Protein backbone atom coordinates (compact mmCIF):
# COMPACT_ATOMS: atom_id res chain seq x y z
CA MET A 1 -36.75 8.53 11.97
CA SER A 2 -35.33 5.27 10.72
CA VAL A 3 -37.29 2.98 8.48
CA GLY A 4 -39.50 0.52 10.32
CA ILE A 5 -41.91 -2.21 9.38
CA LEU A 6 -45.61 -2.92 9.74
CA GLY A 7 -46.77 -6.24 11.07
CA THR A 8 -49.51 -8.26 12.72
CA LYS A 9 -49.47 -9.37 16.34
CA LEU A 10 -49.94 -13.15 16.41
CA GLY A 11 -49.87 -13.73 20.17
CA MET A 12 -47.51 -14.44 23.05
CA THR A 13 -45.39 -17.42 24.03
CA GLN A 14 -42.09 -18.08 25.75
CA VAL A 15 -38.63 -19.13 24.65
CA PHE A 16 -35.62 -20.28 26.63
CA ASP A 17 -32.12 -18.81 26.54
CA GLU A 18 -28.82 -20.67 26.87
CA THR A 19 -29.13 -20.82 30.67
CA GLY A 20 -32.66 -22.24 30.57
CA LYS A 21 -34.30 -19.00 31.64
CA ALA A 22 -37.82 -18.48 30.25
CA ILE A 23 -38.30 -15.26 28.29
CA PRO A 24 -41.85 -14.04 27.56
CA VAL A 25 -42.08 -12.92 23.93
CA THR A 26 -44.66 -11.51 21.54
CA VAL A 27 -44.76 -13.16 18.11
CA ILE A 28 -45.20 -10.64 15.29
CA GLN A 29 -45.66 -11.30 11.58
CA ALA A 30 -43.39 -8.50 10.35
CA GLY A 31 -44.05 -7.61 6.73
CA PRO A 32 -43.22 -8.06 4.01
CA CYS A 33 -43.87 -4.37 3.31
CA VAL A 34 -43.62 -2.84 -0.15
CA VAL A 35 -42.17 0.61 -0.86
CA THR A 36 -45.10 2.38 -2.53
CA GLN A 37 -43.75 5.95 -2.71
CA ILE A 38 -40.47 7.84 -2.33
CA LYS A 39 -40.77 11.47 -1.25
CA THR A 40 -38.03 14.04 -1.87
CA LYS A 41 -37.56 17.70 -1.01
CA GLN A 42 -37.97 18.65 -4.65
CA THR A 43 -41.41 17.05 -4.99
CA ASP A 44 -42.83 17.01 -1.45
CA GLY A 45 -40.70 19.37 0.65
CA TYR A 46 -39.27 16.60 2.82
CA THR A 47 -37.65 13.17 2.47
CA ALA A 48 -39.46 9.96 3.33
CA ILE A 49 -40.61 6.61 2.04
CA GLN A 50 -44.12 5.20 2.15
CA VAL A 51 -44.65 1.47 2.64
CA GLY A 52 -47.73 -0.70 2.25
CA TYR A 53 -48.74 -3.84 4.12
CA GLY A 54 -51.55 -6.35 4.11
CA GLU A 55 -52.80 -7.63 0.76
CA VAL A 56 -56.53 -7.29 0.12
CA ARG A 57 -58.90 -7.87 -2.77
CA GLU A 58 -58.95 -5.22 -5.45
CA LYS A 59 -62.63 -4.48 -4.76
CA SER A 60 -61.70 -3.42 -1.21
CA LEU A 61 -59.97 -0.24 -2.48
CA ASN A 62 -61.23 2.68 -4.51
CA LYS A 63 -59.81 3.87 -7.83
CA PRO A 64 -57.49 6.58 -6.43
CA GLU A 65 -55.96 4.08 -4.00
CA LEU A 66 -55.48 1.49 -6.73
CA GLY A 67 -53.97 4.09 -9.05
CA HIS A 68 -51.51 5.17 -6.37
CA LEU A 69 -50.37 1.60 -5.73
CA ALA A 70 -50.13 0.86 -9.45
CA LYS A 71 -47.32 3.43 -9.78
CA SER A 72 -45.06 1.17 -7.72
CA GLY A 73 -46.40 -2.06 -9.18
CA ALA A 74 -47.70 -3.12 -5.78
CA SER A 75 -50.73 -5.33 -5.31
CA PRO A 76 -53.75 -3.90 -3.43
CA LEU A 77 -52.65 -3.18 0.14
CA ARG A 78 -54.77 -2.27 3.13
CA HIS A 79 -52.30 -0.24 5.24
CA LEU A 80 -49.95 2.57 4.20
CA HIS A 81 -47.40 4.21 6.49
CA GLU A 82 -44.66 6.76 6.05
CA TYR A 83 -41.16 6.85 7.53
CA ARG A 84 -39.03 9.99 7.49
CA LEU A 85 -35.50 9.38 6.21
CA ASP A 86 -32.48 11.60 5.57
CA ASP A 87 -31.55 9.65 2.46
CA PRO A 88 -34.40 7.74 0.79
CA GLY A 89 -32.28 7.21 -2.33
CA SER A 90 -31.23 3.77 -1.10
CA TYR A 91 -34.78 2.48 -1.63
CA GLU A 92 -36.64 1.74 -4.84
CA LEU A 93 -40.31 1.59 -5.72
CA GLY A 94 -41.64 -1.92 -5.28
CA GLN A 95 -38.78 -2.95 -2.99
CA ALA A 96 -39.76 -5.37 -0.22
CA ILE A 97 -38.86 -4.66 3.41
CA LYS A 98 -38.81 -7.87 5.43
CA ALA A 99 -38.12 -9.03 8.97
CA ASP A 100 -34.39 -9.37 8.25
CA ALA A 101 -34.18 -5.56 8.45
CA PHE A 102 -33.89 -6.21 12.20
CA THR A 103 -31.34 -8.23 14.15
CA ALA A 104 -31.49 -10.22 17.37
CA GLY A 105 -30.53 -8.07 20.35
CA GLN A 106 -31.69 -4.85 18.71
CA THR A 107 -33.96 -2.52 20.70
CA VAL A 108 -37.19 -1.34 19.06
CA ASP A 109 -40.25 0.75 19.78
CA VAL A 110 -43.60 -0.91 19.08
CA ILE A 111 -46.64 1.26 18.31
CA GLY A 112 -50.14 -0.18 18.32
CA THR A 113 -53.72 0.33 19.42
CA SER A 114 -54.56 -0.82 22.93
CA ILE A 115 -57.45 -3.23 23.50
CA GLY A 116 -60.76 -1.41 23.82
CA ARG A 117 -62.44 -1.96 27.19
CA GLY A 118 -65.61 0.02 26.56
CA PHE A 119 -67.12 2.31 29.20
CA ALA A 120 -65.17 1.98 32.45
CA GLY A 121 -65.59 3.50 35.89
CA TYR A 122 -63.22 5.55 38.01
CA GLN A 123 -61.42 2.67 39.70
CA LYS A 124 -60.75 0.68 36.55
CA ARG A 125 -59.97 3.64 34.29
CA HIS A 126 -57.90 5.83 36.63
CA ASN A 127 -57.08 3.55 39.59
CA PHE A 128 -59.09 5.66 42.04
CA LYS A 129 -59.43 4.28 45.58
CA ARG A 130 -62.78 3.05 46.78
CA GLY A 131 -64.79 4.78 49.44
CA PRO A 132 -65.46 3.25 52.87
CA MET A 133 -66.87 -0.26 52.59
CA ALA A 134 -68.43 -0.21 56.09
CA HIS A 135 -72.15 -0.59 56.67
CA GLY A 136 -73.96 2.67 56.04
CA SER A 137 -71.45 4.08 53.56
CA LYS A 138 -73.04 5.39 50.39
CA ASN A 139 -69.75 6.10 48.60
CA HIS A 140 -68.16 2.84 47.48
CA ARG A 141 -67.16 3.59 43.88
CA LEU A 142 -68.23 7.21 43.40
CA PRO A 143 -65.75 9.86 42.21
CA GLY A 144 -66.03 12.33 45.05
CA SER A 145 -65.93 16.02 44.28
CA THR A 146 -65.49 17.05 40.64
CA GLY A 147 -64.72 20.69 41.44
CA ALA A 148 -65.80 23.76 43.35
CA GLY A 149 -69.35 25.11 43.33
CA THR A 150 -70.17 28.68 42.34
CA THR A 151 -66.62 29.44 41.26
CA PRO A 152 -65.86 28.30 38.60
CA GLY A 153 -69.32 26.76 38.41
CA ARG A 154 -68.25 24.09 35.94
CA VAL A 155 -66.03 21.03 35.61
CA TYR A 156 -62.62 21.75 34.15
CA PRO A 157 -61.76 20.00 30.86
CA GLY A 158 -59.50 17.00 31.37
CA LYS A 159 -60.99 16.07 34.72
CA ARG A 160 -60.46 12.38 35.31
CA MET A 161 -63.87 10.77 35.17
CA ALA A 162 -65.56 7.60 33.99
CA GLY A 163 -65.58 7.03 30.24
CA ARG A 164 -64.22 5.06 27.35
CA LEU A 165 -61.11 3.03 28.21
CA GLY A 166 -58.57 1.70 25.72
CA GLY A 167 -58.71 1.78 21.94
CA SER A 168 -56.00 4.44 21.77
CA GLN A 169 -52.49 4.56 20.32
CA VAL A 170 -49.84 3.25 22.68
CA THR A 171 -46.06 3.14 22.23
CA VAL A 172 -43.96 0.64 24.18
CA ARG A 173 -40.35 1.75 24.05
CA LYS A 174 -37.02 -0.08 24.08
CA LEU A 175 -38.13 -3.68 23.70
CA THR A 176 -35.52 -6.25 22.71
CA VAL A 177 -35.72 -8.40 19.59
CA VAL A 178 -35.05 -11.93 20.84
CA ARG A 179 -35.14 -13.81 17.52
CA VAL A 180 -35.60 -13.13 13.81
CA ASP A 181 -37.08 -15.79 11.53
CA SER A 182 -36.22 -14.55 8.05
CA ASP A 183 -37.90 -17.46 6.29
CA ARG A 184 -41.29 -16.81 7.87
CA ASN A 185 -40.86 -13.04 8.36
CA VAL A 186 -41.49 -13.40 12.09
CA LEU A 187 -40.03 -11.38 14.96
CA LEU A 188 -39.97 -12.51 18.58
CA ILE A 189 -39.93 -9.41 20.78
CA LYS A 190 -39.42 -9.59 24.54
CA GLY A 191 -42.43 -8.50 26.57
CA ALA A 192 -45.95 -7.43 25.69
CA VAL A 193 -47.02 -5.07 22.91
CA PRO A 194 -50.33 -3.18 22.50
CA GLY A 195 -53.38 -4.79 20.91
CA LYS A 196 -54.92 -8.21 20.70
CA PRO A 197 -53.91 -11.00 18.28
CA GLY A 198 -54.51 -9.88 14.71
CA ALA A 199 -53.90 -6.20 15.50
CA LEU A 200 -51.69 -4.01 13.34
CA VAL A 201 -48.41 -2.90 14.91
CA ASN A 202 -45.65 -0.58 13.77
CA ILE A 203 -42.07 -1.54 14.69
CA VAL A 204 -39.32 1.08 14.49
CA PRO A 205 -35.72 1.06 15.75
CA ALA A 206 -35.48 2.65 19.19
CA LYS A 207 -33.86 6.06 19.38
CA GLN A 208 -30.37 5.90 20.86
CA VAL A 209 -29.97 8.93 23.12
CA GLY A 210 -26.40 9.50 24.23
CA ARG A 211 -25.53 10.92 27.65
CA GLN A 212 -24.38 14.50 27.63
CA GLY A 213 -22.04 16.22 29.99
């Protein structure tokens, strides 16, 4: 995995290209992230770097967390994330990773937590069809059969039913970086990304899979 960056979703807007075409974009405050730990095969069994994002008050963290961040000279940070690298030697403790790590036109994967919708029924959660809406029908939004009777005599795990919707990790792949504002550490990424404004997102370069054969 290549090194990525943590950021905050600010919202959506639109920008215009050279031909006047409107492009919907998500505005993300990308970093700055601080390298808080460098892992090597000798010490940890694998190679990676850990980055921190989101300054908080010192009282918001406990002593072990503060002691860990003090090793890199970083201020108290709320979020820590790890990126696997083949060669982490090009990074130093305390180094800042900013939005200029990305370029306009680059494709990225954005990982975030989808908006929680609470308890949802079959139609909203799984796009089930409704039952007959004619007079006398008693099956408008019911699920129908949930399985056989005596055999197996139970509902199989994983059966699609009503329940909690959203609030889960979602990855949107191969989105295009439209603009990079290095001064403000802001990325404009084409399309929508998971979460509501203020949500934490993880941006990593998209994997380039070559065609074989």
